[in-house]
N, C-alpha and C. Protein backbone atom coordinates (compact mmCIF):
# COMPACT_ATOMS: atom_id res chain seq x y z
N MET A 1 -0.22 -14.15 -18.22
CA MET A 1 -0.18 -14.27 -16.48
C MET A 1 -1.47 -14.00 -15.73
N THR A 2 -2.25 -14.26 -15.01
CA THR A 2 -3.86 -13.68 -14.27
C THR A 2 -2.42 -12.66 -13.71
N LYS A 3 -3.15 -11.65 -14.19
CA LYS A 3 -2.88 -10.78 -12.55
C LYS A 3 -4.61 -10.89 -11.40
N LYS A 4 -3.84 -10.90 -9.84
CA LYS A 4 -4.87 -10.76 -8.64
C LYS A 4 -4.80 -10.41 -8.56
N SER A 5 -6.06 -9.99 -7.58
CA SER A 5 -7.11 -8.66 -6.82
C SER A 5 -6.53 -8.42 -5.18
N VAL A 6 -4.94 -8.12 -5.80
CA VAL A 6 -4.86 -7.50 -3.73
C VAL A 6 -5.43 -6.36 -3.52
N GLU A 7 -6.74 -6.62 -2.39
CA GLU A 7 -7.01 -5.02 -1.15
C GLU A 7 -6.35 -4.76 0.25
N LEU A 8 -6.19 -3.29 -0.54
CA LEU A 8 -4.33 -3.23 0.83
C LEU A 8 -5.63 -2.34 1.83
N LYS A 9 -5.42 -2.54 2.54
CA LYS A 9 -6.90 -2.34 3.47
C LYS A 9 -6.09 -0.88 5.08
N LEU A 10 -5.95 -0.46 5.12
CA LEU A 10 -5.61 0.71 6.32
C LEU A 10 -6.77 1.32 7.26
N TYR A 11 -6.51 1.90 8.38
CA TYR A 11 -8.04 2.29 9.01
C TYR A 11 -6.80 3.37 9.93
N ALA A 12 -7.12 4.52 8.79
CA ALA A 12 -7.47 5.04 9.79
C ALA A 12 -8.18 6.95 9.26
N PRO A 13 -9.08 6.66 11.20
CA PRO A 13 -10.66 7.58 10.81
C PRO A 13 -10.05 8.90 10.01
N GLN A 14 -8.65 9.80 10.77
CA GLN A 14 -8.89 10.89 11.12
C GLN A 14 -8.43 11.38 9.40
N ALA A 15 -7.95 10.57 8.10
CA ALA A 15 -6.72 10.71 7.28
C ALA A 15 -7.61 11.13 6.38
N LYS A 16 -7.24 12.54 5.86
CA LYS A 16 -8.01 13.25 4.60
C LYS A 16 -7.83 12.52 3.34
N ARG A 17 -6.39 12.02 2.69
CA ARG A 17 -6.33 11.36 1.34
C ARG A 17 -4.67 9.75 1.97
N VAL A 18 -5.07 8.90 1.83
CA VAL A 18 -4.95 7.48 1.50
C VAL A 18 -4.68 7.04 0.55
N SER A 19 -3.31 7.04 -0.03
CA SER A 19 -2.82 6.09 -1.31
C SER A 19 -2.10 4.68 -0.90
N VAL A 20 -1.63 4.30 -1.73
CA VAL A 20 -0.05 3.05 -2.39
C VAL A 20 0.18 3.69 -3.23
N ALA A 21 1.90 3.29 -2.29
CA ALA A 21 3.27 3.86 -3.58
C ALA A 21 3.82 2.38 -3.26
N GLY A 22 4.71 2.03 -4.70
CA GLY A 22 5.23 0.43 -4.12
C GLY A 22 6.15 0.28 -5.80
N SER A 23 6.46 -0.20 -5.49
CA SER A 23 7.18 -1.02 -6.36
C SER A 23 6.76 -1.52 -7.06
N PHE A 24 5.67 -1.61 -7.39
CA PHE A 24 3.78 -2.30 -8.92
C PHE A 24 3.70 -0.99 -9.19
N ASN A 25 4.24 0.49 -9.14
CA ASN A 25 3.87 1.88 -9.47
C ASN A 25 5.11 2.21 -9.87
N ASP A 26 6.21 2.21 -9.56
CA ASP A 26 6.67 3.26 -9.75
C ASP A 26 7.62 3.94 -8.55
N TRP A 27 6.49 3.56 -6.83
CA TRP A 27 6.79 4.93 -6.07
C TRP A 27 5.38 5.71 -6.09
N ASP A 28 4.52 5.37 -7.36
CA ASP A 28 3.45 7.33 -7.62
C ASP A 28 2.37 7.26 -6.32
N THR A 29 2.38 8.31 -6.18
CA THR A 29 2.43 8.17 -5.31
C THR A 29 -0.09 9.07 -5.13
N ASN A 30 0.12 9.48 -6.36
CA ASN A 30 -1.47 9.34 -7.09
C ASN A 30 -1.79 7.83 -7.98
N SER A 31 -1.21 6.90 -8.45
CA SER A 31 -2.32 6.28 -9.39
C SER A 31 -3.19 5.82 -8.00
N LEU A 32 -3.19 5.40 -7.05
CA LEU A 32 -4.24 4.03 -6.68
C LEU A 32 -4.32 4.88 -5.18
N GLN A 33 -5.64 5.55 -5.21
CA GLN A 33 -6.43 6.65 -4.17
C GLN A 33 -6.80 4.86 -3.27
N ALA A 34 -6.74 5.62 -2.32
CA ALA A 34 -7.51 4.57 -1.50
C ALA A 34 -9.26 5.08 -1.08
N LYS A 35 -10.58 4.39 -1.00
CA LYS A 35 -11.30 4.45 -0.23
C LYS A 35 -11.45 5.04 0.80
N LYS A 36 -12.59 5.19 1.36
CA LYS A 36 -13.11 5.48 2.71
C LYS A 36 -13.71 4.91 3.19
N ASP A 37 -14.07 3.54 4.27
CA ASP A 37 -15.65 3.04 4.14
C ASP A 37 -16.12 3.96 5.60
N LYS A 38 -17.08 3.29 5.66
CA LYS A 38 -18.25 4.67 7.17
C LYS A 38 -17.50 4.65 8.52
N SER A 39 -16.15 2.99 8.04
CA SER A 39 -15.57 2.72 9.85
C SER A 39 -14.90 3.19 10.04
N GLY A 40 -14.46 4.48 8.47
CA GLY A 40 -12.88 4.69 8.50
C GLY A 40 -12.11 3.82 8.40
N SER A 41 -11.64 2.88 7.23
CA SER A 41 -10.27 1.87 7.11
C SER A 41 -11.07 2.87 5.56
N TRP A 42 -10.12 2.72 5.26
CA TRP A 42 -9.49 2.93 3.74
C TRP A 42 -8.91 1.70 2.80
N ILE A 43 -9.00 1.34 1.80
CA ILE A 43 -9.28 0.02 0.68
C ILE A 43 -8.46 0.87 0.03
N VAL A 44 -8.18 0.23 -0.64
CA VAL A 44 -7.17 0.54 -2.62
C VAL A 44 -6.66 -0.68 -2.40
N THR A 45 -7.92 -1.54 -4.04
CA THR A 45 -7.15 -3.07 -4.85
C THR A 45 -6.91 -3.13 -6.04
N ALA A 46 -5.55 -3.47 -6.05
CA ALA A 46 -4.78 -3.61 -6.92
C ALA A 46 -4.44 -4.45 -8.25
N GLY A 47 -4.20 -4.36 -9.27
CA GLY A 47 -4.24 -6.03 -10.21
C GLY A 47 -3.29 -6.13 -10.29
N LEU A 48 -2.50 -7.09 -9.49
CA LEU A 48 -1.33 -7.40 -9.79
C LEU A 48 -0.39 -8.71 -10.81
N ASN A 49 -0.04 -8.73 -11.08
CA ASN A 49 0.76 -9.85 -11.37
C ASN A 49 1.66 -11.21 -10.16
N PRO A 50 1.86 -12.08 -10.34
CA PRO A 50 2.83 -12.79 -9.20
C PRO A 50 4.12 -12.03 -8.86
N GLY A 51 4.10 -12.05 -7.66
CA GLY A 51 5.82 -11.97 -7.83
C GLY A 51 6.01 -11.44 -5.95
N LYS A 52 7.51 -10.53 -5.81
CA LYS A 52 7.24 -9.98 -4.82
C LYS A 52 6.49 -8.96 -4.39
N TYR A 53 6.19 -7.79 -3.98
CA TYR A 53 6.68 -6.65 -4.38
C TYR A 53 6.87 -6.05 -2.83
N GLU A 54 6.97 -4.35 -2.92
CA GLU A 54 7.28 -3.49 -2.25
C GLU A 54 6.61 -2.31 -1.72
N TYR A 55 5.43 -1.84 -0.53
CA TYR A 55 5.67 -1.47 -0.44
C TYR A 55 4.78 0.11 0.47
N LYS A 56 4.31 1.33 0.05
CA LYS A 56 3.70 1.76 1.56
C LYS A 56 2.92 2.22 1.23
N PHE A 57 1.31 2.74 2.59
CA PHE A 57 0.19 3.78 2.53
C PHE A 57 1.61 5.07 2.41
N VAL A 58 0.32 6.12 2.48
CA VAL A 58 1.44 7.57 2.12
C VAL A 58 0.29 7.61 2.72
N VAL A 59 -0.44 8.62 3.70
CA VAL A 59 -0.97 9.41 4.55
C VAL A 59 -1.14 10.72 5.11
N ASP A 60 -1.95 11.71 4.30
CA ASP A 60 -2.11 12.96 4.28
C ASP A 60 -0.93 13.33 4.05
N GLY A 61 0.03 12.60 2.80
CA GLY A 61 1.75 12.96 2.15
C GLY A 61 2.50 12.32 3.56
N SER A 62 2.32 11.15 3.98
CA SER A 62 3.43 10.91 5.60
C SER A 62 3.38 10.20 4.72
N TRP A 63 4.94 8.72 4.77
CA TRP A 63 4.94 7.46 4.02
C TRP A 63 4.19 6.67 5.87
N MET A 64 3.89 5.63 5.65
CA MET A 64 4.27 4.95 6.93
C MET A 64 4.03 3.98 6.13
N ASN A 65 4.06 2.32 6.50
CA ASN A 65 4.19 1.42 6.65
C ASN A 65 2.45 0.48 6.78
N ASP A 66 2.66 -0.43 6.77
CA ASP A 66 0.93 -1.26 6.34
C ASP A 66 1.29 -1.39 7.68
N PRO A 67 0.28 -2.11 9.39
CA PRO A 67 0.71 -1.81 10.34
C PRO A 67 -0.36 -3.78 10.48
N ALA A 68 -0.06 -4.19 9.00
CA ALA A 68 -1.23 -5.25 9.31
C ALA A 68 0.53 -6.20 8.11
N CYS A 69 1.04 -5.76 8.21
CA CYS A 69 2.22 -6.21 7.10
C CYS A 69 3.42 -7.10 7.98
N LYS A 70 3.65 -7.69 7.80
CA LYS A 70 3.83 -9.35 8.80
C LYS A 70 6.10 -8.87 8.22
N SER A 71 5.28 -8.43 7.04
CA SER A 71 7.07 -8.75 5.96
C SER A 71 8.10 -7.45 6.03
N CYS A 72 8.95 -7.20 6.66
CA CYS A 72 9.53 -5.62 6.22
C CYS A 72 11.37 -5.71 5.75
N VAL A 73 11.06 -5.03 4.99
CA VAL A 73 12.55 -5.21 4.18
C VAL A 73 13.69 -3.56 4.56
N PRO A 74 14.55 -3.22 4.10
CA PRO A 74 14.84 -2.01 4.77
C PRO A 74 15.08 -1.17 2.51
N ASN A 75 14.61 -0.43 3.53
CA ASN A 75 15.19 0.26 2.09
C ASN A 75 16.00 1.05 2.00
N ASN A 76 16.84 1.69 0.68
CA ASN A 76 17.93 3.57 0.32
C ASN A 76 17.71 4.24 1.53
N ILE A 77 16.20 4.47 1.95
CA ILE A 77 16.01 6.28 3.46
C ILE A 77 15.95 6.07 4.42
N GLY A 78 16.44 4.67 4.47
CA GLY A 78 17.38 4.17 5.80
C GLY A 78 16.34 3.65 6.90
N SER A 79 14.84 3.70 6.53
CA SER A 79 13.38 3.18 6.93
C SER A 79 13.34 1.49 6.28
N THR A 80 11.99 0.89 6.38
CA THR A 80 11.71 -0.22 6.21
C THR A 80 10.14 0.03 4.83
N ASN A 81 10.27 -1.25 4.41
CA ASN A 81 9.31 -1.19 3.33
C ASN A 81 8.68 -2.34 3.59
N CYS A 82 7.06 -1.82 3.47
CA CYS A 82 6.46 -3.82 3.61
C CYS A 82 6.47 -4.35 2.25
N VAL A 83 6.62 -6.04 2.18
CA VAL A 83 7.07 -6.85 0.96
C VAL A 83 5.17 -7.71 1.15
N LEU A 84 5.18 -7.80 0.16
CA LEU A 84 3.68 -8.19 -0.43
C LEU A 84 3.25 -9.50 -1.41
N VAL A 85 3.21 -10.61 -0.89
CA VAL A 85 3.71 -11.08 -1.88
C VAL A 85 2.22 -11.32 -2.11
N VAL A 86 2.23 -11.78 -3.77
CA VAL A 86 1.19 -11.91 -5.13
C VAL A 86 1.89 -13.67 -5.62
N LYS A 87 1.36 -14.59 -5.29
CA LYS A 87 0.69 -15.64 -6.35
C LYS A 87 -0.37 -15.72 -6.63
């Protein structure tokens, strides 16, 4: 199986630290750190196998959904997670 390069992007110019946690990295808030570009967007690229994943952004310690995500599913803590499908 070939890993696909997947880019996740979040516009958060005031943020000090942004990462992505999800089912692809055991919800580890430290393993996928985003980098801020000059426009105030945070970008992270992950190599993922084809499949369906759940994820959230972690912005300065607060969990948030991706505003660009079109599909969310309920999670076990009473909120929702974004769904990412890698083909």
